[in-house]
Amino acid sequence: MSRENVVKREDLAQKMVAKFNMTKKEALEVLNFLVDEITTALKEGKQVKLVGLGTFKVRMRKEREVVNQKTGERMKVPAMRVPKFTAAKTLKEAVRG
C-alpha cells in the first residue's frame, strides 16, 4: 500500500483543526486520549462500542503450532489475548459503496 493511501494520526488531527477551530496540539491530545482510553478498556477486558464505527474487544487466541520459514523448525505459540475490531453495519455499507 502506498503512503498516500494511509491516513495517519497527524492527518486526522489536521482535519480536526480545520473543523473544530482547535490547535494541532489539542487535536493530537484528543486523539491520544481516545487511543489510551480504548487501550485501557481493552486491558480491563471491556468492550468499546462506537456507534457507526464498530466494536473493539479482546478475544483469546488458542495455542497453535507454526513453522519457522527460514529453518523449518516447528514452534508452539502460546495462547494469548488479542484485540479484535468488528466494523459496524453502517461502516461496512459505506465502504461497500
N, C-alpha and C. Protein backbone atom coordinates (compact mmCIF):
# COMPACT_ATOMS: atom_id res chain seq x y z
N MET A 1 0.85 -1.18 0.00
CA MET A 1 0.00 0.00 0.00
C MET A 1 0.89 1.24 0.00
N SER A 2 0.58 2.17 -0.86
CA SER A 2 1.41 3.37 -0.95
C SER A 2 1.12 4.33 0.19
N ARG A 3 2.07 5.18 0.47
CA ARG A 3 1.95 6.09 1.61
C ARG A 3 0.79 7.08 1.46
N GLU A 4 0.45 7.44 0.24
CA GLU A 4 -0.65 8.41 0.08
C GLU A 4 -2.01 7.78 0.36
N ASN A 5 -2.06 6.46 0.51
CA ASN A 5 -3.31 5.78 0.83
C ASN A 5 -3.45 5.50 2.33
N VAL A 6 -2.56 6.07 3.13
CA VAL A 6 -2.59 5.84 4.57
C VAL A 6 -2.95 7.15 5.28
N VAL A 7 -3.97 7.10 6.11
CA VAL A 7 -4.34 8.26 6.92
C VAL A 7 -3.71 8.07 8.29
N LYS A 8 -2.86 8.99 8.67
CA LYS A 8 -2.15 8.90 9.94
C LYS A 8 -2.82 9.79 10.99
N ARG A 9 -2.37 9.62 12.21
CA ARG A 9 -2.90 10.39 13.34
C ARG A 9 -2.77 11.90 13.06
N GLU A 10 -1.64 12.31 12.50
CA GLU A 10 -1.43 13.73 12.21
C GLU A 10 -2.41 14.24 11.16
N ASP A 11 -2.76 13.38 10.20
CA ASP A 11 -3.75 13.76 9.18
C ASP A 11 -5.12 13.97 9.82
N LEU A 12 -5.49 13.08 10.71
CA LEU A 12 -6.78 13.25 11.41
C LEU A 12 -6.76 14.51 12.26
N ALA A 13 -5.63 14.76 12.92
CA ALA A 13 -5.51 15.96 13.74
C ALA A 13 -5.68 17.22 12.89
N GLN A 14 -5.09 17.22 11.71
CA GLN A 14 -5.20 18.39 10.83
C GLN A 14 -6.65 18.63 10.41
N LYS A 15 -7.39 17.55 10.17
CA LYS A 15 -8.82 17.70 9.82
C LYS A 15 -9.61 18.24 11.01
N MET A 16 -9.24 17.80 12.22
CA MET A 16 -9.91 18.31 13.42
C MET A 16 -9.61 19.79 13.61
N VAL A 17 -8.39 20.21 13.30
CA VAL A 17 -8.01 21.62 13.41
C VAL A 17 -8.94 22.46 12.52
N ALA A 18 -9.12 22.02 11.28
CA ALA A 18 -9.95 22.77 10.33
C ALA A 18 -11.43 22.75 10.73
N LYS A 19 -11.92 21.64 11.21
CA LYS A 19 -13.35 21.50 11.51
C LYS A 19 -13.74 22.15 12.83
N PHE A 20 -12.90 22.01 13.87
CA PHE A 20 -13.30 22.43 15.20
C PHE A 20 -12.56 23.65 15.73
N ASN A 21 -11.76 24.29 14.89
CA ASN A 21 -11.06 25.51 15.29
C ASN A 21 -10.24 25.29 16.57
N MET A 22 -9.41 24.26 16.53
CA MET A 22 -8.54 23.96 17.66
C MET A 22 -7.10 23.92 17.16
N THR A 23 -6.16 23.89 18.08
CA THR A 23 -4.76 23.80 17.66
C THR A 23 -4.45 22.35 17.32
N LYS A 24 -3.37 22.15 16.57
CA LYS A 24 -2.95 20.80 16.23
C LYS A 24 -2.55 20.04 17.49
N LYS A 25 -1.94 20.74 18.44
CA LYS A 25 -1.55 20.11 19.70
C LYS A 25 -2.77 19.60 20.44
N GLU A 26 -3.84 20.41 20.50
CA GLU A 26 -5.08 19.99 21.16
C GLU A 26 -5.70 18.78 20.45
N ALA A 27 -5.70 18.82 19.12
CA ALA A 27 -6.27 17.72 18.35
C ALA A 27 -5.50 16.42 18.60
N LEU A 28 -4.19 16.50 18.63
CA LEU A 28 -3.37 15.32 18.91
C LEU A 28 -3.61 14.80 20.33
N GLU A 29 -3.80 15.71 21.28
CA GLU A 29 -4.10 15.31 22.65
C GLU A 29 -5.43 14.54 22.71
N VAL A 30 -6.42 15.00 21.97
CA VAL A 30 -7.72 14.33 21.95
C VAL A 30 -7.57 12.94 21.34
N LEU A 31 -6.88 12.84 20.23
CA LEU A 31 -6.68 11.54 19.59
C LEU A 31 -5.89 10.59 20.48
N ASN A 32 -4.84 11.10 21.11
CA ASN A 32 -4.04 10.27 22.02
C ASN A 32 -4.88 9.80 23.21
N PHE A 33 -5.72 10.70 23.72
CA PHE A 33 -6.62 10.34 24.82
C PHE A 33 -7.56 9.21 24.40
N LEU A 34 -8.13 9.33 23.22
CA LEU A 34 -9.06 8.32 22.71
C LEU A 34 -8.36 6.96 22.60
N VAL A 35 -7.18 6.93 22.02
CA VAL A 35 -6.43 5.68 21.88
C VAL A 35 -6.09 5.10 23.26
N ASP A 36 -5.66 5.96 24.18
CA ASP A 36 -5.32 5.50 25.53
C ASP A 36 -6.54 4.91 26.25
N GLU A 37 -7.69 5.55 26.12
CA GLU A 37 -8.90 5.08 26.79
C GLU A 37 -9.37 3.75 26.21
N ILE A 38 -9.31 3.60 24.90
CA ILE A 38 -9.68 2.33 24.27
C ILE A 38 -8.73 1.23 24.73
N THR A 39 -7.43 1.53 24.75
CA THR A 39 -6.43 0.56 25.19
C THR A 39 -6.66 0.14 26.63
N THR A 40 -6.91 1.10 27.50
CA THR A 40 -7.15 0.81 28.92
C THR A 40 -8.38 -0.07 29.09
N ALA A 41 -9.45 0.25 28.39
CA ALA A 41 -10.68 -0.54 28.50
C ALA A 41 -10.43 -1.98 28.03
N LEU A 42 -9.71 -2.15 26.95
CA LEU A 42 -9.42 -3.50 26.44
C LEU A 42 -8.55 -4.28 27.43
N LYS A 43 -7.57 -3.60 28.03
CA LYS A 43 -6.72 -4.26 29.04
C LYS A 43 -7.55 -4.76 30.21
N GLU A 44 -8.62 -4.04 30.54
CA GLU A 44 -9.51 -4.40 31.64
C GLU A 44 -10.55 -5.44 31.23
N GLY A 45 -10.49 -5.87 29.97
CA GLY A 45 -11.43 -6.88 29.49
C GLY A 45 -12.76 -6.33 29.04
N LYS A 46 -12.86 -5.02 28.90
CA LYS A 46 -14.11 -4.38 28.48
C LYS A 46 -14.18 -4.29 26.96
N GLN A 47 -15.38 -4.10 26.45
CA GLN A 47 -15.59 -3.82 25.03
C GLN A 47 -15.76 -2.31 24.87
N VAL A 48 -15.40 -1.81 23.72
CA VAL A 48 -15.62 -0.39 23.40
C VAL A 48 -16.46 -0.35 22.13
N LYS A 49 -17.68 0.19 22.25
CA LYS A 49 -18.58 0.29 21.11
C LYS A 49 -18.69 1.75 20.69
N LEU A 50 -18.37 2.02 19.45
CA LEU A 50 -18.52 3.35 18.88
C LEU A 50 -19.56 3.24 17.77
N VAL A 51 -20.74 3.74 18.03
CA VAL A 51 -21.84 3.63 17.08
C VAL A 51 -21.42 4.24 15.75
N GLY A 52 -21.65 3.51 14.68
CA GLY A 52 -21.30 3.98 13.35
C GLY A 52 -19.89 3.57 12.95
N LEU A 53 -19.06 3.19 13.90
CA LEU A 53 -17.69 2.76 13.59
C LEU A 53 -17.54 1.27 13.82
N GLY A 54 -17.76 0.83 15.06
CA GLY A 54 -17.65 -0.60 15.34
C GLY A 54 -17.34 -0.87 16.79
N THR A 55 -16.95 -2.13 17.05
CA THR A 55 -16.69 -2.59 18.41
C THR A 55 -15.27 -3.13 18.52
N PHE A 56 -14.57 -2.64 19.53
CA PHE A 56 -13.26 -3.16 19.88
C PHE A 56 -13.46 -4.12 21.04
N LYS A 57 -12.86 -5.30 20.97
CA LYS A 57 -12.95 -6.24 22.08
C LYS A 57 -11.68 -7.09 22.11
N VAL A 58 -11.57 -7.88 23.17
CA VAL A 58 -10.43 -8.77 23.34
C VAL A 58 -10.92 -10.20 23.19
N ARG A 59 -10.17 -11.01 22.48
CA ARG A 59 -10.51 -12.42 22.37
C ARG A 59 -9.27 -13.25 22.67
N MET A 60 -9.49 -14.49 23.03
CA MET A 60 -8.39 -15.41 23.29
C MET A 60 -8.03 -16.14 22.01
N ARG A 61 -6.78 -16.10 21.66
CA ARG A 61 -6.28 -16.88 20.53
C ARG A 61 -5.74 -18.18 21.11
N LYS A 62 -6.14 -19.30 20.55
CA LYS A 62 -5.70 -20.61 21.04
C LYS A 62 -4.21 -20.81 20.80
N GLU A 63 -3.62 -21.70 21.60
CA GLU A 63 -2.24 -22.10 21.34
C GLU A 63 -2.20 -22.75 19.97
N ARG A 64 -1.13 -22.51 19.22
CA ARG A 64 -1.03 -23.10 17.90
C ARG A 64 0.42 -23.41 17.56
N GLU A 65 0.58 -24.24 16.57
CA GLU A 65 1.91 -24.62 16.13
C GLU A 65 2.19 -23.90 14.82
N VAL A 66 3.37 -23.33 14.72
CA VAL A 66 3.78 -22.63 13.50
C VAL A 66 5.11 -23.20 13.04
N VAL A 67 5.46 -22.90 11.78
CA VAL A 67 6.72 -23.34 11.21
C VAL A 67 7.56 -22.13 10.88
N ASN A 68 8.79 -22.11 11.38
CA ASN A 68 9.74 -21.04 11.04
C ASN A 68 10.11 -21.23 9.57
N GLN A 69 9.80 -20.26 8.75
CA GLN A 69 10.02 -20.38 7.31
C GLN A 69 11.51 -20.51 6.94
N LYS A 70 12.37 -19.90 7.73
CA LYS A 70 13.81 -19.95 7.43
C LYS A 70 14.44 -21.29 7.80
N THR A 71 14.05 -21.84 8.95
CA THR A 71 14.70 -23.05 9.45
C THR A 71 13.85 -24.31 9.29
N GLY A 72 12.56 -24.14 9.08
CA GLY A 72 11.66 -25.29 9.00
C GLY A 72 11.30 -25.84 10.38
N GLU A 73 11.80 -25.21 11.43
CA GLU A 73 11.56 -25.67 12.79
C GLU A 73 10.10 -25.41 13.19
N ARG A 74 9.50 -26.40 13.84
CA ARG A 74 8.14 -26.24 14.37
C ARG A 74 8.23 -25.65 15.76
N MET A 75 7.36 -24.66 16.02
CA MET A 75 7.35 -23.99 17.32
C MET A 75 5.91 -23.84 17.77
N LYS A 76 5.71 -23.80 19.08
CA LYS A 76 4.38 -23.55 19.64
C LYS A 76 4.28 -22.09 20.04
N VAL A 77 3.19 -21.48 19.62
CA VAL A 77 2.88 -20.12 20.03
C VAL A 77 1.82 -20.25 21.12
N PRO A 78 2.10 -19.71 22.30
CA PRO A 78 1.14 -19.89 23.40
C PRO A 78 -0.17 -19.15 23.16
N ALA A 79 -1.20 -19.59 23.87
CA ALA A 79 -2.48 -18.89 23.84
C ALA A 79 -2.26 -17.47 24.36
N MET A 80 -2.97 -16.52 23.80
CA MET A 80 -2.82 -15.14 24.24
C MET A 80 -4.07 -14.33 23.93
N ARG A 81 -4.19 -13.23 24.65
CA ARG A 81 -5.28 -12.28 24.41
C ARG A 81 -4.87 -11.36 23.27
N VAL A 82 -5.79 -11.14 22.33
CA VAL A 82 -5.51 -10.27 21.20
C VAL A 82 -6.70 -9.32 20.98
N PRO A 83 -6.42 -8.09 20.52
CA PRO A 83 -7.53 -7.17 20.23
C PRO A 83 -8.23 -7.58 18.94
N LYS A 84 -9.52 -7.30 18.89
CA LYS A 84 -10.32 -7.58 17.70
C LYS A 84 -11.24 -6.40 17.44
N PHE A 85 -11.39 -6.04 16.18
CA PHE A 85 -12.29 -4.97 15.80
C PHE A 85 -13.34 -5.53 14.86
N THR A 86 -14.60 -5.25 15.16
CA THR A 86 -15.70 -5.64 14.30
C THR A 86 -16.37 -4.36 13.81
N ALA A 87 -16.38 -4.18 12.51
CA ALA A 87 -16.96 -2.97 11.92
C ALA A 87 -18.47 -2.94 12.08
N ALA A 88 -19.00 -1.75 12.31
CA ALA A 88 -20.45 -1.55 12.41
C ALA A 88 -21.09 -1.71 11.03
N LYS A 89 -22.35 -2.04 11.02
CA LYS A 89 -23.09 -2.23 9.77
C LYS A 89 -23.01 -0.98 8.88
N THR A 90 -23.15 0.20 9.50
CA THR A 90 -23.12 1.43 8.70
C THR A 90 -21.74 1.65 8.06
N LEU A 91 -20.68 1.29 8.77
CA LEU A 91 -19.33 1.42 8.21
C LEU A 91 -19.15 0.44 7.06
N LYS A 92 -19.59 -0.79 7.25
CA LYS A 92 -19.48 -1.80 6.18
C LYS A 92 -20.22 -1.33 4.93
N GLU A 93 -21.42 -0.82 5.12
CA GLU A 93 -22.22 -0.37 3.98
C GLU A 93 -21.58 0.83 3.29
N ALA A 94 -21.01 1.75 4.07
CA ALA A 94 -20.36 2.92 3.49
C ALA A 94 -19.15 2.55 2.66
N VAL A 95 -18.39 1.56 3.14
CA VAL A 95 -17.19 1.13 2.40
C VAL A 95 -17.55 0.39 1.13
N ARG A 96 -18.61 -0.40 1.20
CA ARG A 96 -19.03 -1.18 0.03
C ARG A 96 -19.52 -0.28 -1.10
N GLY A 97 -20.00 0.91 -0.73
CA GLY A 97 -20.43 1.85 -1.76
C GLY A 97 -21.86 1.83 -1.95
